[in-house]
Every structure is written in C-alpha cells, then in structure tokens.
Amino acid sequence: MKNTNVFFEGKIMDWEVADKKIQRQIVGYDDKIMMVNVRFEKDGIGTLHSHHHTQISYVAEGKFEVTIADETCILEKGDSFYVPSNAVHGVVCLEAGTLVDVFSPMREDFIK
C-alpha cells in the first residue's frame, strides 16, 4: 500500500475518534513509515498494547505518563520515547496535549 500524496496540510486533514478523549490525524505515510498526530484530553488513556511496528513518539504539547515494558516515565513538551517492536506500552495524559507518533512499517490498521 503506497500513498501518493507528498504534502499533508494539517488544517485540512481530518481527525478521527480513536478512543474516549483521544483523536488521531494521519499526516503522512507510505508502506514503510507513517506519522500520526494523536490529540489527548486530560485523563485520556492510551491503553497498554503491543504491535509489531517500531514506534518513536514526540510530545508536541502536554504532559504524559508513559509506560514501556516495565518502565514508566513522566514526559512533557519536547520529550520523546522509543517503543521497540512488540513491546507492551501505553500512556496516560496528565495535561491535555498531542503526541506525534512515527511507525515503521506503516500501521495498515489505521487506514480504512
């Protein structure tokens, strides 16, 4: 699956409901990589889960409690985290904010 778009203007890209208090905006991808903005309301929970994709996330706004495997850390604007393939991970939003998630390969389950 390959997306032919090379420019993604945030102001016109759709947001979709991912979960209670969480919205997702896919901003670019091809079959090897994907970037997604994930907007959280305070107390939004990205439940513990795992997937075969490697993930790097950047905290663009807000404050999050991030758990990866058996480690937990509080991260805020300007911080980032790395999730190895198949590692159990999740977040709790402590202050409303946005994560910028990058996946390799792309998350086919996010494309409808």
N, C-alpha and C. Protein backbone atom coordinates (compact mmCIF):
# COMPACT_ATOMS: atom_id res chain seq x y z
N MET A 1 0.85 -1.18 0.00
CA MET A 1 0.00 0.00 0.00
C MET A 1 0.89 1.23 0.00
N LYS A 2 0.72 2.08 -0.97
CA LYS A 2 1.55 3.28 -1.06
C LYS A 2 0.66 4.48 -1.27
N ASN A 3 0.86 5.51 -0.48
CA ASN A 3 0.12 6.76 -0.60
C ASN A 3 0.91 7.66 -1.54
N THR A 4 0.25 8.29 -2.50
CA THR A 4 0.96 9.12 -3.47
C THR A 4 1.05 10.59 -3.06
N ASN A 5 0.40 10.97 -1.98
CA ASN A 5 0.50 12.36 -1.53
C ASN A 5 1.88 12.63 -0.95
N VAL A 6 2.43 13.81 -1.23
CA VAL A 6 3.71 14.18 -0.64
C VAL A 6 3.58 15.37 0.30
N PHE A 7 2.46 16.08 0.25
CA PHE A 7 2.21 17.19 1.17
C PHE A 7 0.92 16.91 1.94
N PHE A 8 0.95 17.18 3.24
CA PHE A 8 -0.21 16.97 4.10
C PHE A 8 -0.41 18.24 4.92
N GLU A 9 -1.44 19.00 4.60
CA GLU A 9 -1.71 20.25 5.30
C GLU A 9 -2.63 19.97 6.48
N GLY A 10 -2.08 20.16 7.70
CA GLY A 10 -2.81 19.84 8.92
C GLY A 10 -4.16 20.50 9.04
N LYS A 11 -4.28 21.71 8.54
CA LYS A 11 -5.55 22.43 8.69
C LYS A 11 -6.68 21.82 7.87
N ILE A 12 -6.35 20.99 6.88
CA ILE A 12 -7.41 20.37 6.09
C ILE A 12 -7.49 18.85 6.27
N MET A 13 -6.58 18.29 7.04
CA MET A 13 -6.60 16.84 7.29
C MET A 13 -7.65 16.52 8.35
N ASP A 14 -8.37 15.43 8.15
CA ASP A 14 -9.42 15.02 9.08
C ASP A 14 -8.84 14.44 10.36
N TRP A 15 -9.55 14.64 11.45
CA TRP A 15 -9.27 13.99 12.73
C TRP A 15 -10.33 12.91 12.90
N GLU A 16 -9.94 11.75 13.42
CA GLU A 16 -10.91 10.69 13.70
C GLU A 16 -10.85 10.35 15.17
N VAL A 17 -11.97 9.90 15.69
CA VAL A 17 -12.03 9.49 17.09
C VAL A 17 -11.33 8.13 17.20
N ALA A 18 -10.31 8.08 18.03
CA ALA A 18 -9.57 6.83 18.24
C ALA A 18 -10.07 6.11 19.49
N ASP A 19 -10.46 6.88 20.48
CA ASP A 19 -10.95 6.34 21.74
C ASP A 19 -11.54 7.50 22.53
N LYS A 20 -12.13 7.20 23.68
CA LYS A 20 -12.65 8.27 24.53
C LYS A 20 -11.50 9.21 24.89
N LYS A 21 -11.67 10.49 24.63
CA LYS A 21 -10.69 11.54 24.94
C LYS A 21 -9.45 11.51 24.04
N ILE A 22 -9.51 10.77 22.92
CA ILE A 22 -8.35 10.67 22.02
C ILE A 22 -8.81 10.80 20.57
N GLN A 23 -8.12 11.67 19.82
CA GLN A 23 -8.36 11.81 18.38
C GLN A 23 -7.05 11.59 17.64
N ARG A 24 -7.17 11.11 16.41
CA ARG A 24 -5.99 10.77 15.61
C ARG A 24 -6.08 11.46 14.25
N GLN A 25 -4.93 11.98 13.78
CA GLN A 25 -4.84 12.61 12.46
C GLN A 25 -3.63 12.02 11.74
N ILE A 26 -3.89 11.26 10.68
CA ILE A 26 -2.81 10.68 9.90
C ILE A 26 -2.28 11.77 8.98
N VAL A 27 -0.98 12.05 9.07
CA VAL A 27 -0.43 13.19 8.33
C VAL A 27 0.59 12.80 7.25
N GLY A 28 0.91 11.54 7.13
CA GLY A 28 1.79 11.13 6.06
C GLY A 28 2.18 9.67 6.20
N TYR A 29 2.25 8.97 5.06
CA TYR A 29 2.67 7.58 5.12
C TYR A 29 2.97 7.03 3.73
N ASP A 30 3.73 5.96 3.73
CA ASP A 30 3.83 5.05 2.61
C ASP A 30 3.89 3.67 3.24
N ASP A 31 4.28 2.65 2.52
CA ASP A 31 4.25 1.30 3.09
C ASP A 31 5.34 1.06 4.13
N LYS A 32 6.33 1.95 4.22
CA LYS A 32 7.45 1.75 5.15
C LYS A 32 7.39 2.60 6.41
N ILE A 33 6.66 3.71 6.37
CA ILE A 33 6.66 4.65 7.51
C ILE A 33 5.33 5.40 7.57
N MET A 34 4.95 5.81 8.76
CA MET A 34 3.72 6.58 8.94
C MET A 34 3.91 7.55 10.10
N MET A 35 3.37 8.77 9.94
CA MET A 35 3.36 9.75 11.02
C MET A 35 1.91 10.11 11.34
N VAL A 36 1.61 10.17 12.65
CA VAL A 36 0.25 10.39 13.11
C VAL A 36 0.28 11.36 14.28
N ASN A 37 -0.56 12.40 14.23
CA ASN A 37 -0.78 13.27 15.38
C ASN A 37 -1.87 12.64 16.23
N VAL A 38 -1.64 12.57 17.53
CA VAL A 38 -2.63 11.99 18.44
C VAL A 38 -2.92 13.01 19.53
N ARG A 39 -4.14 13.52 19.52
CA ARG A 39 -4.55 14.57 20.46
C ARG A 39 -5.31 13.93 21.63
N PHE A 40 -4.86 14.25 22.85
CA PHE A 40 -5.43 13.71 24.08
C PHE A 40 -6.06 14.81 24.91
N GLU A 41 -7.23 14.54 25.46
CA GLU A 41 -7.78 15.37 26.52
C GLU A 41 -7.16 14.88 27.82
N LYS A 42 -7.17 15.74 28.84
CA LYS A 42 -6.65 15.34 30.15
C LYS A 42 -7.35 14.06 30.59
N ASP A 43 -6.60 13.15 31.17
CA ASP A 43 -7.06 11.85 31.65
C ASP A 43 -7.36 10.85 30.53
N GLY A 44 -7.06 11.20 29.28
CA GLY A 44 -7.18 10.23 28.20
C GLY A 44 -6.15 9.12 28.39
N ILE A 45 -6.54 7.91 28.06
CA ILE A 45 -5.65 6.77 28.28
C ILE A 45 -5.42 6.02 26.98
N GLY A 46 -4.17 5.92 26.61
CA GLY A 46 -3.76 5.02 25.53
C GLY A 46 -3.44 3.70 26.21
N THR A 47 -4.41 2.78 26.22
CA THR A 47 -4.29 1.55 27.00
C THR A 47 -3.05 0.73 26.59
N LEU A 48 -2.58 -0.04 27.53
CA LEU A 48 -1.42 -0.89 27.28
C LEU A 48 -1.71 -1.82 26.12
N HIS A 49 -0.77 -1.89 25.19
CA HIS A 49 -0.93 -2.72 23.99
C HIS A 49 0.45 -2.97 23.39
N SER A 50 0.50 -3.81 22.38
CA SER A 50 1.74 -4.03 21.64
C SER A 50 1.41 -4.24 20.17
N HIS A 51 2.39 -4.04 19.32
CA HIS A 51 2.26 -4.27 17.88
C HIS A 51 3.64 -4.52 17.31
N HIS A 52 3.69 -5.09 16.12
CA HIS A 52 4.99 -5.44 15.54
C HIS A 52 5.75 -4.22 15.00
N HIS A 53 5.10 -3.08 14.93
CA HIS A 53 5.74 -1.87 14.42
C HIS A 53 6.73 -1.29 15.43
N THR A 54 7.81 -0.72 14.94
CA THR A 54 8.68 0.10 15.78
C THR A 54 8.04 1.49 15.83
N GLN A 55 8.11 2.14 16.99
CA GLN A 55 7.45 3.44 17.16
C GLN A 55 8.37 4.41 17.87
N ILE A 56 8.37 5.64 17.39
CA ILE A 56 9.00 6.75 18.10
C ILE A 56 7.94 7.83 18.24
N SER A 57 7.80 8.39 19.45
CA SER A 57 6.78 9.41 19.69
C SER A 57 7.43 10.65 20.29
N TYR A 58 6.94 11.80 19.83
CA TYR A 58 7.41 13.11 20.29
C TYR A 58 6.25 13.79 21.01
N VAL A 59 6.52 14.35 22.18
CA VAL A 59 5.50 15.08 22.92
C VAL A 59 5.49 16.52 22.41
N ALA A 60 4.50 16.85 21.57
CA ALA A 60 4.41 18.19 20.98
C ALA A 60 3.78 19.18 21.95
N GLU A 61 2.87 18.69 22.77
CA GLU A 61 2.18 19.52 23.77
C GLU A 61 1.75 18.61 24.91
N GLY A 62 1.61 19.17 26.11
CA GLY A 62 1.04 18.44 27.23
C GLY A 62 2.05 17.69 28.07
N LYS A 63 1.49 16.79 28.91
CA LYS A 63 2.30 16.01 29.84
C LYS A 63 1.69 14.61 29.91
N PHE A 64 2.55 13.58 29.82
CA PHE A 64 2.09 12.20 29.74
C PHE A 64 2.88 11.29 30.67
N GLU A 65 2.20 10.32 31.25
CA GLU A 65 2.85 9.23 31.95
C GLU A 65 2.97 8.10 30.92
N VAL A 66 4.18 7.74 30.59
CA VAL A 66 4.43 6.76 29.53
C VAL A 66 5.01 5.49 30.15
N THR A 67 4.41 4.36 29.79
CA THR A 67 4.91 3.07 30.26
C THR A 67 5.34 2.25 29.04
N ILE A 68 6.57 1.75 29.11
CA ILE A 68 7.11 0.86 28.07
C ILE A 68 7.71 -0.33 28.80
N ALA A 69 7.16 -1.51 28.53
CA ALA A 69 7.55 -2.73 29.23
C ALA A 69 7.36 -2.51 30.73
N ASP A 70 8.40 -2.59 31.52
CA ASP A 70 8.24 -2.42 32.98
C ASP A 70 8.79 -1.08 33.47
N GLU A 71 8.95 -0.11 32.55
CA GLU A 71 9.44 1.21 32.93
C GLU A 71 8.38 2.27 32.70
N THR A 72 8.29 3.24 33.62
CA THR A 72 7.34 4.34 33.50
C THR A 72 8.08 5.65 33.72
N CYS A 73 7.72 6.66 32.91
CA CYS A 73 8.38 7.96 32.99
C CYS A 73 7.35 9.04 32.69
N ILE A 74 7.47 10.19 33.35
CA ILE A 74 6.64 11.35 33.05
C ILE A 74 7.38 12.18 32.01
N LEU A 75 6.71 12.43 30.86
CA LEU A 75 7.30 13.21 29.78
C LEU A 75 6.42 14.40 29.46
N GLU A 76 7.06 15.49 29.02
CA GLU A 76 6.32 16.69 28.66
C GLU A 76 6.85 17.28 27.36
N LYS A 77 6.27 18.39 26.96
CA LYS A 77 6.59 19.02 25.69
C LYS A 77 8.10 19.02 25.44
N GLY A 78 8.49 18.53 24.24
CA GLY A 78 9.89 18.49 23.86
C GLY A 78 10.56 17.15 24.10
N ASP A 79 9.92 16.27 24.89
CA ASP A 79 10.48 14.95 25.17
C ASP A 79 10.00 13.95 24.11
N SER A 80 10.63 12.79 24.10
CA SER A 80 10.21 11.74 23.16
C SER A 80 10.46 10.38 23.79
N PHE A 81 9.93 9.34 23.13
CA PHE A 81 10.16 7.99 23.59
C PHE A 81 10.18 7.02 22.41
N TYR A 82 10.88 5.89 22.62
CA TYR A 82 11.06 4.86 21.61
C TYR A 82 10.40 3.57 22.10
N VAL A 83 9.62 2.95 21.23
CA VAL A 83 8.96 1.69 21.56
C VAL A 83 9.46 0.61 20.59
N PRO A 84 10.21 -0.36 21.11
CA PRO A 84 10.67 -1.45 20.24
C PRO A 84 9.49 -2.29 19.75
N SER A 85 9.70 -2.99 18.67
CA SER A 85 8.70 -3.90 18.14
C SER A 85 8.22 -4.88 19.22
N ASN A 86 6.90 -5.03 19.33
CA ASN A 86 6.23 -5.97 20.24
C ASN A 86 6.33 -5.62 21.72
N ALA A 87 6.88 -4.46 22.08
CA ALA A 87 6.94 -4.06 23.49
C ALA A 87 5.55 -3.58 23.95
N VAL A 88 5.13 -4.00 25.12
CA VAL A 88 3.88 -3.53 25.70
C VAL A 88 4.09 -2.09 26.14
N HIS A 89 3.17 -1.20 25.74
CA HIS A 89 3.32 0.22 26.06
C HIS A 89 1.96 0.90 26.11
N GLY A 90 1.93 2.06 26.77
CA GLY A 90 0.71 2.85 26.87
C GLY A 90 1.01 4.18 27.51
N VAL A 91 0.02 5.08 27.46
CA VAL A 91 0.19 6.41 28.04
C VAL A 91 -1.06 6.82 28.81
N VAL A 92 -0.85 7.71 29.77
CA VAL A 92 -1.94 8.40 30.47
C VAL A 92 -1.66 9.88 30.32
N CYS A 93 -2.65 10.62 29.84
CA CYS A 93 -2.47 12.06 29.63
C CYS A 93 -2.71 12.80 30.94
N LEU A 94 -1.68 13.45 31.46
CA LEU A 94 -1.76 14.20 32.71
C LEU A 94 -2.18 15.65 32.48
N GLU A 95 -1.79 16.22 31.35
CA GLU A 95 -2.20 17.57 30.92
C GLU A 95 -2.48 17.48 29.43
N ALA A 96 -3.63 17.99 28.99
CA ALA A 96 -4.04 17.87 27.59
C ALA A 96 -2.88 18.15 26.65
N GLY A 97 -2.78 17.35 25.60
CA GLY A 97 -1.65 17.54 24.70
C GLY A 97 -1.72 16.68 23.45
N THR A 98 -0.62 16.70 22.70
CA THR A 98 -0.54 15.98 21.44
C THR A 98 0.78 15.21 21.36
N LEU A 99 0.67 13.95 20.95
CA LEU A 99 1.84 13.14 20.63
C LEU A 99 1.95 13.05 19.11
N VAL A 100 3.17 13.09 18.61
CA VAL A 100 3.43 12.84 17.20
C VAL A 100 4.07 11.46 17.14
N ASP A 101 3.32 10.49 16.62
CA ASP A 101 3.79 9.10 16.55
C ASP A 101 4.32 8.79 15.16
N VAL A 102 5.45 8.12 15.12
CA VAL A 102 6.02 7.65 13.85
C VAL A 102 6.16 6.13 13.96
N PHE A 103 5.63 5.43 12.95
CA PHE A 103 5.64 3.97 12.93
C PHE A 103 6.39 3.45 11.71
N SER A 104 7.10 2.34 11.92
CA SER A 104 7.71 1.63 10.80
C SER A 104 7.52 0.14 11.03
N PRO A 105 6.93 -0.58 10.09
CA PRO A 105 6.30 -0.05 8.88
C PRO A 105 5.01 0.68 9.23
N MET A 106 4.34 1.21 8.23
CA MET A 106 3.10 1.95 8.46
C MET A 106 2.05 1.06 9.12
N ARG A 107 1.11 1.70 9.84
CA ARG A 107 0.03 0.99 10.51
C ARG A 107 -1.12 0.79 9.53
N GLU A 108 -1.17 -0.36 8.89
CA GLU A 108 -2.26 -0.65 7.96
C GLU A 108 -3.62 -0.62 8.64
N ASP A 109 -3.65 -0.96 9.94
CA ASP A 109 -4.91 -0.95 10.68
C ASP A 109 -5.47 0.46 10.86
N PHE A 110 -4.67 1.50 10.65
CA PHE A 110 -5.16 2.88 10.75
C PHE A 110 -5.81 3.37 9.46
N ILE A 111 -5.57 2.68 8.36
CA ILE A 111 -6.10 3.10 7.07
C ILE A 111 -7.38 2.34 6.78
N LYS A 112 -8.42 3.09 6.46
CA LYS A 112 -9.72 2.46 6.21
C LYS A 112 -9.99 2.37 4.74
